[in-house]
Amino acid sequence: MFRIITLTVAALTISIPVQAGGPSSPVTQALARAAVDRDALKTPAGRMALVITVKAYCDEVSSTYPRNSPKETEWLSSEVQAGGERMIRATRSAEWGREQVQIFVDGCASWGASFSRSLDQSRSYAGLAYTFIRFSGDAEYYAPKNRIDPDHFGFGVVPRMATEALILAAILSAK
């Protein structure tokens, strides 16, 4: 019974990014499928397949999302340092959203690369999970400010789904 409920929830969750608006990308759909495949996460090969899919997702976000110019980065920094209303306005801007995407992409690259350097893979999975959960709320809010369709990346649900799968991978890989 539990397996039927899990499969039903997984099927509904995978369809959310596709039905919410524009179609999600094939990479987004692959990450959603990998995130709900709990049986695959029980094996080292299945967990590594999740990491490969996560890296592809991060690469697609990186190649699609605009970047701040040096002038925009300088403006953002001065507004945040000024504090008060200027800081609040800056943190609601498209430039702030682009900065958050860069932090996400950098985290993906760093933690993703750690899998080839580290024997402590549970720490690497946890690092990727932290990267995704930190980004999940910002992603959906800032995408439209940057003319990005949030449904293309499943920003409403896929980062949270990936976080759950990565946390489970960390638990299952712990020695």
C-alpha atoms as a PDB file:
ATOM      1  CA  MET A   1       0.000   0.000   0.000  1.00  0.00           C
ATOM      2  CA  PHE A   2       2.805   2.415   0.955  1.00  0.00           C
ATOM      3  CA  ARG A   3       4.528   1.724  -2.374  1.00  0.00           C
ATOM      4  CA  ILE A   4       1.323   2.541  -4.313  1.00  0.00           C
ATOM      5  CA  ILE A   5       0.917   5.823  -2.430  1.00  0.00           C
ATOM      6  CA  THR A   6       4.593   6.689  -2.998  1.00  0.00           C
ATOM      7  CA  LEU A   7       4.349   5.961  -6.723  1.00  0.00           C
ATOM      8  CA  THR A   8       1.149   8.001  -7.021  1.00  0.00           C
ATOM      9  CA  VAL A   9       2.697  10.989  -5.240  1.00  0.00           C
ATOM     10  CA  ALA A  10       5.829  10.645  -7.372  1.00  0.00           C
ATOM     11  CA  ALA A  11       3.800  10.612 -10.588  1.00  0.00           C
ATOM     12  CA  LEU A  12       1.848  13.692  -9.533  1.00  0.00           C
ATOM     13  CA  THR A  13       4.994  15.505  -8.440  1.00  0.00           C
ATOM     14  CA  ILE A  14       6.779  14.833 -11.719  1.00  0.00           C
ATOM     15  CA  SER A  15       3.859  16.224 -13.689  1.00  0.00           C
ATOM     16  CA  ILE A  16       3.641  19.485 -11.723  1.00  0.00           C
ATOM     17  CA  PRO A  17       6.427  21.340 -13.576  1.00  0.00           C
ATOM     18  CA  VAL A  18       4.990  20.336 -16.947  1.00  0.00           C
ATOM     19  CA  GLN A  19       1.409  21.286 -16.103  1.00  0.00           C
ATOM     20  CA  ALA A  20       2.115  24.522 -14.220  1.00  0.00           C
ATOM     21  CA  GLY A  21       2.786  26.628 -17.318  1.00  0.00           C
ATOM     22  CA  GLY A  22       5.294  26.215 -20.101  1.00  0.00           C
ATOM     23  CA  PRO A  23       6.899  22.852 -20.676  1.00  0.00           C
ATOM     24  CA  SER A  24       9.840  21.916 -18.504  1.00  0.00           C
ATOM     25  CA  SER A  25      13.114  21.019 -20.145  1.00  0.00           C
ATOM     26  CA  PRO A  26      14.164  17.380 -20.677  1.00  0.00           C
ATOM     27  CA  VAL A  27      16.958  17.896 -18.129  1.00  0.00           C
ATOM     28  CA  THR A  28      14.439  19.179 -15.566  1.00  0.00           C
ATOM     29  CA  GLN A  29      12.190  16.199 -16.233  1.00  0.00           C
ATOM     30  CA  ALA A  30      15.166  13.827 -15.862  1.00  0.00           C
ATOM     31  CA  LEU A  31      16.051  15.364 -12.488  1.00  0.00           C
ATOM     32  CA  ALA A  32      12.444  15.085 -11.297  1.00  0.00           C
ATOM     33  CA  ARG A  33      12.398  11.391 -12.293  1.00  0.00           C
ATOM     34  CA  ALA A  34      15.762  10.716 -10.632  1.00  0.00           C
ATOM     35  CA  ALA A  35      14.688  12.513  -7.463  1.00  0.00           C
ATOM     36  CA  VAL A  36      11.671  10.278  -6.926  1.00  0.00           C
ATOM     37  CA  ASP A  37      13.381   6.982  -7.822  1.00  0.00           C
ATOM     38  CA  ARG A  38      14.055   5.892  -4.251  1.00  0.00           C
ATOM     39  CA  ASP A  39      15.009   2.356  -5.311  1.00  0.00           C
ATOM     40  CA  ALA A  40      17.860   3.676  -7.451  1.00  0.00           C
ATOM     41  CA  LEU A  41      19.159   5.708  -4.511  1.00  0.00           C
ATOM     42  CA  LYS A  42      19.750   2.482  -2.578  1.00  0.00           C
ATOM     43  CA  THR A  43      22.756   1.662  -4.783  1.00  0.00           C
ATOM     44  CA  PRO A  44      26.013   3.583  -5.262  1.00  0.00           C
ATOM     45  CA  ALA A  45      25.438   3.567  -9.044  1.00  0.00           C
ATOM     46  CA  GLY A  46      21.929   4.969  -8.603  1.00  0.00           C
ATOM     47  CA  ARG A  47      23.186   7.724  -6.326  1.00  0.00           C
ATOM     48  CA  MET A  48      25.926   8.610  -8.810  1.00  0.00           C
ATOM     49  CA  ALA A  49      23.300   8.749 -11.582  1.00  0.00           C
ATOM     50  CA  LEU A  50      21.471  11.327  -9.434  1.00  0.00           C
ATOM     51  CA  VAL A  51      24.682  13.373  -9.156  1.00  0.00           C
ATOM     52  CA  ILE A  52      25.179  13.273 -12.929  1.00  0.00           C
ATOM     53  CA  THR A  53      21.592  14.447 -13.451  1.00  0.00           C
ATOM     54  CA  VAL A  54      22.026  17.195 -10.842  1.00  0.00           C
ATOM     55  CA  LYS A  55      25.164  18.405 -12.631  1.00  0.00           C
ATOM     56  CA  ALA A  56      23.311  18.500 -15.971  1.00  0.00           C
ATOM     57  CA  TYR A  57      20.504  20.523 -14.359  1.00  0.00           C
ATOM     58  CA  CYS A  58      22.967  22.983 -12.825  1.00  0.00           C
ATOM     59  CA  ASP A  59      24.788  23.306 -16.160  1.00  0.00           C
ATOM     60  CA  GLU A  60      21.506  24.081 -17.917  1.00  0.00           C
ATOM     61  CA  VAL A  61      20.577  26.716 -15.331  1.00  0.00           C
ATOM     62  CA  SER A  62      24.057  28.204 -15.688  1.00  0.00           C
ATOM     63  CA  SER A  63      23.948  28.357 -19.477  1.00  0.00           C
ATOM     64  CA  THR A  64      20.414  29.811 -19.612  1.00  0.00           C
ATOM     65  CA  TYR A  65      20.335  32.373 -16.810  1.00  0.00           C
ATOM     66  CA  PRO A  66      21.781  35.849 -17.451  1.00  0.00           C
ATOM     67  CA  ARG A  67      24.758  37.072 -15.432  1.00  0.00           C
ATOM     68  CA  ASN A  68      25.330  40.391 -13.727  1.00  0.00           C
ATOM     69  CA  SER A  69      27.744  42.742 -15.415  1.00  0.00           C
ATOM     70  CA  PRO A  70      30.624  44.063 -13.275  1.00  0.00           C
ATOM     71  CA  LYS A  71      28.744  47.370 -13.005  1.00  0.00           C
ATOM     72  CA  GLU A  72      25.582  45.574 -11.783  1.00  0.00           C
ATOM     73  CA  THR A  73      27.626  43.608  -9.253  1.00  0.00           C
ATOM     74  CA  GLU A  74      29.190  46.820  -7.977  1.00  0.00           C
ATOM     75  CA  TRP A  75      25.754  48.502  -7.712  1.00  0.00           C
ATOM     76  CA  LEU A  76      24.312  45.508  -5.880  1.00  0.00           C
ATOM     77  CA  SER A  77      27.172  45.414  -3.412  1.00  0.00           C
ATOM     78  CA  SER A  78      26.912  49.140  -2.625  1.00  0.00           C
ATOM     79  CA  GLU A  79      23.127  48.938  -2.161  1.00  0.00           C
ATOM     80  CA  VAL A  80      23.371  45.957   0.169  1.00  0.00           C
ATOM     81  CA  GLN A  81      26.147  47.612   2.177  1.00  0.00           C
ATOM     82  CA  ALA A  82      24.080  50.813   2.466  1.00  0.00           C
ATOM     83  CA  GLY A  83      21.461  48.889   4.425  1.00  0.00           C
ATOM     84  CA  GLY A  84      17.910  49.987   5.152  1.00  0.00           C
ATOM     85  CA  GLU A  85      15.469  50.536   2.298  1.00  0.00           C
ATOM     86  CA  ARG A  86      18.249  50.502  -0.295  1.00  0.00           C
ATOM     87  CA  MET A  87      19.261  47.001   0.781  1.00  0.00           C
ATOM     88  CA  ILE A  88      15.662  45.790   0.783  1.00  0.00           C
ATOM     89  CA  ARG A  89      15.073  47.186  -2.718  1.00  0.00           C
ATOM     90  CA  ALA A  90      18.296  45.588  -3.930  1.00  0.00           C
ATOM     91  CA  THR A  91      17.327  42.173  -2.561  1.00  0.00           C
ATOM     92  CA  ARG A  92      14.093  42.328  -4.563  1.00  0.00           C
ATOM     93  CA  SER A  93      15.887  43.150  -7.825  1.00  0.00           C
ATOM     94  CA  ALA A  94      16.653  41.040 -10.863  1.00  0.00           C
ATOM     95  CA  GLU A  95      20.338  41.624 -10.129  1.00  0.00           C
ATOM     96  CA  TRP A  96      19.972  40.006  -6.700  1.00  0.00           C
ATOM     97  CA  GLY A  97      18.272  37.039  -8.351  1.00  0.00           C
ATOM     98  CA  ARG A  98      21.157  36.675 -10.800  1.00  0.00           C
ATOM     99  CA  GLU A  99      23.597  36.800  -7.886  1.00  0.00           C
ATOM    100  CA  GLN A 100      21.670  33.993  -6.145  1.00  0.00           C
ATOM    101  CA  VAL A 101      21.771  31.898  -9.317  1.00  0.00           C
ATOM    102  CA  GLN A 102      25.537  32.381  -9.508  1.00  0.00           C
ATOM    103  CA  ILE A 103      25.881  31.206  -5.890  1.00  0.00           C
ATOM    104  CA  PHE A 104      23.729  28.169  -6.745  1.00  0.00           C
ATOM    105  CA  VAL A 105      25.743  27.319  -9.857  1.00  0.00           C
ATOM    106  CA  ASP A 106      29.046  27.777  -8.000  1.00  0.00           C
ATOM    107  CA  GLY A 107      27.798  25.504  -5.203  1.00  0.00           C
ATOM    108  CA  CYS A 108      26.732  22.859  -7.701  1.00  0.00           C
ATOM    109  CA  ALA A 109      30.136  22.977  -9.383  1.00  0.00           C
ATOM    110  CA  SER A 110      32.056  22.840  -6.119  1.00  0.00           C
ATOM    111  CA  TRP A 111      30.062  20.067  -4.453  1.00  0.00           C
ATOM    112  CA  GLY A 112      29.702  18.171  -7.736  1.00  0.00           C
ATOM    113  CA  ALA A 113      33.477  18.166  -8.214  1.00  0.00           C
ATOM    114  CA  SER A 114      33.968  16.949  -4.648  1.00  0.00           C
ATOM    115  CA  PHE A 115      32.615  13.520  -5.595  1.00  0.00           C
ATOM    116  CA  SER A 116      35.778  12.726  -7.508  1.00  0.00           C
ATOM    117  CA  ARG A 117      38.070  14.044  -4.738  1.00  0.00           C
ATOM    118  CA  SER A 118      36.376  12.804  -1.585  1.00  0.00           C
ATOM    119  CA  LEU A 119      35.911   9.481   0.088  1.00  0.00           C
ATOM    120  CA  ASP A 120      33.198  11.059   2.259  1.00  0.00           C
ATOM    121  CA  GLN A 121      30.422  11.122  -0.317  1.00  0.00           C
ATOM    122  CA  SER A 122      27.740  11.636   2.322  1.00  0.00           C
ATOM    123  CA  ARG A 123      29.221  15.087   2.953  1.00  0.00           C
ATOM    124  CA  SER A 124      29.164  15.858  -0.781  1.00  0.00           C
ATOM    125  CA  TYR A 125      25.503  14.807  -1.054  1.00  0.00           C
ATOM    126  CA  ALA A 126      24.677  16.979   1.964  1.00  0.00           C
ATOM    127  CA  GLY A 127      26.542  19.914   0.403  1.00  0.00           C
ATOM    128  CA  LEU A 128      24.564  19.587  -2.822  1.00  0.00           C
ATOM    129  CA  ALA A 129      21.332  19.285  -0.817  1.00  0.00           C
ATOM    130  CA  TYR A 130      22.188  22.503   1.044  1.00  0.00           C
ATOM    131  CA  THR A 131      22.908  24.233  -2.272  1.00  0.00           C
ATOM    132  CA  PHE A 132      19.511  23.193  -3.640  1.00  0.00           C
ATOM    133  CA  ILE A 133      17.430  24.029  -0.565  1.00  0.00           C
ATOM    134  CA  ARG A 134      19.093  27.432  -0.243  1.00  0.00           C
ATOM    135  CA  PHE A 135      18.168  28.165  -3.862  1.00  0.00           C
ATOM    136  CA  SER A 136      14.665  26.672  -3.945  1.00  0.00           C
ATOM    137  CA  GLY A 137      12.728  29.679  -2.641  1.00  0.00           C
ATOM    138  CA  ASP A 138      14.675  32.276  -4.594  1.00  0.00           C
ATOM    139  CA  ALA A 139      14.568  30.451  -7.896  1.00  0.00           C
ATOM    140  CA  GLU A 140      10.840  30.706  -8.529  1.00  0.00           C
ATOM    141  CA  TYR A 141      10.584  34.315  -7.293  1.00  0.00           C
ATOM    142  CA  TYR A 142      13.475  35.784  -9.297  1.00  0.00           C
ATOM    143  CA  ALA A 143      13.101  33.867 -12.575  1.00  0.00           C
ATOM    144  CA  PRO A 144      10.346  36.105 -14.029  1.00  0.00           C
ATOM    145  CA  LYS A 145      12.332  39.206 -13.070  1.00  0.00           C
ATOM    146  CA  ASN A 146      15.047  37.865 -15.382  1.00  0.00           C
ATOM    147  CA  ARG A 147      12.691  36.807 -18.194  1.00  0.00           C
ATOM    148  CA  ILE A 148      13.162  33.129 -17.333  1.00  0.00           C
ATOM    149  CA  ASP A 149      10.165  30.791 -17.347  1.00  0.00           C
ATOM    150  CA  PRO A 150      10.282  29.168 -13.881  1.00  0.00           C
ATOM    151  CA  ASP A 151       8.442  26.130 -15.239  1.00  0.00           C
ATOM    152  CA  HIS A 152      11.284  25.425 -17.671  1.00  0.00           C
ATOM    153  CA  PHE A 153      13.407  24.485 -14.649  1.00  0.00           C
ATOM    154  CA  GLY A 154      10.537  23.313 -12.452  1.00  0.00           C
ATOM    155  CA  PHE A 155      11.604  25.953  -9.926  1.00  0.00           C
ATOM    156  CA  GLY A 156       8.357  25.511  -7.996  1.00  0.00           C
ATOM    157  CA  VAL A 157       9.124  21.913  -6.984  1.00  0.00           C
ATOM    158  CA  VAL A 158      12.216  20.362  -8.579  1.00  0.00           C
ATOM    159  CA  PRO A 159      14.846  21.983  -6.316  1.00  0.00           C
ATOM    160  CA  ARG A 160      12.954  20.727  -3.254  1.00  0.00           C
ATOM    161  CA  MET A 161      12.584  17.276  -4.798  1.00  0.00           C
ATOM    162  CA  ALA A 162      16.318  17.198  -5.539  1.00  0.00           C
ATOM    163  CA  THR A 163      17.063  18.305  -1.971  1.00  0.00           C
ATOM    164  CA  GLU A 164      15.064  15.400  -0.540  1.00  0.00           C
ATOM    165  CA  ALA A 165      16.767  12.893  -2.838  1.00  0.00           C
ATOM    166  CA  LEU A 166      20.223  14.277  -2.039  1.00  0.00           C
ATOM    167  CA  ILE A 167      19.555  14.106   1.712  1.00  0.00           C
ATOM    168  CA  LEU A 168      18.434  10.506   1.323  1.00  0.00           C
ATOM    169  CA  ALA A 169      21.563   9.787  -0.749  1.00  0.00           C
ATOM    170  CA  ALA A 170      23.686  11.297   2.065  1.00  0.00           C
ATOM    171  CA  ILE A 171      22.009   9.071   4.635  1.00  0.00           C
ATOM    172  CA  LEU A 172      22.295   5.943   2.497  1.00  0.00           C
ATOM    173  CA  SER A 173      25.961   6.566   1.652  1.00  0.00           C
ATOM    174  CA  ALA A 174      27.058   7.253   5.250  1.00  0.00           C
ATOM    175  CA  LYS A 175      29.353   4.599   6.607  1.00  0.00           C
END
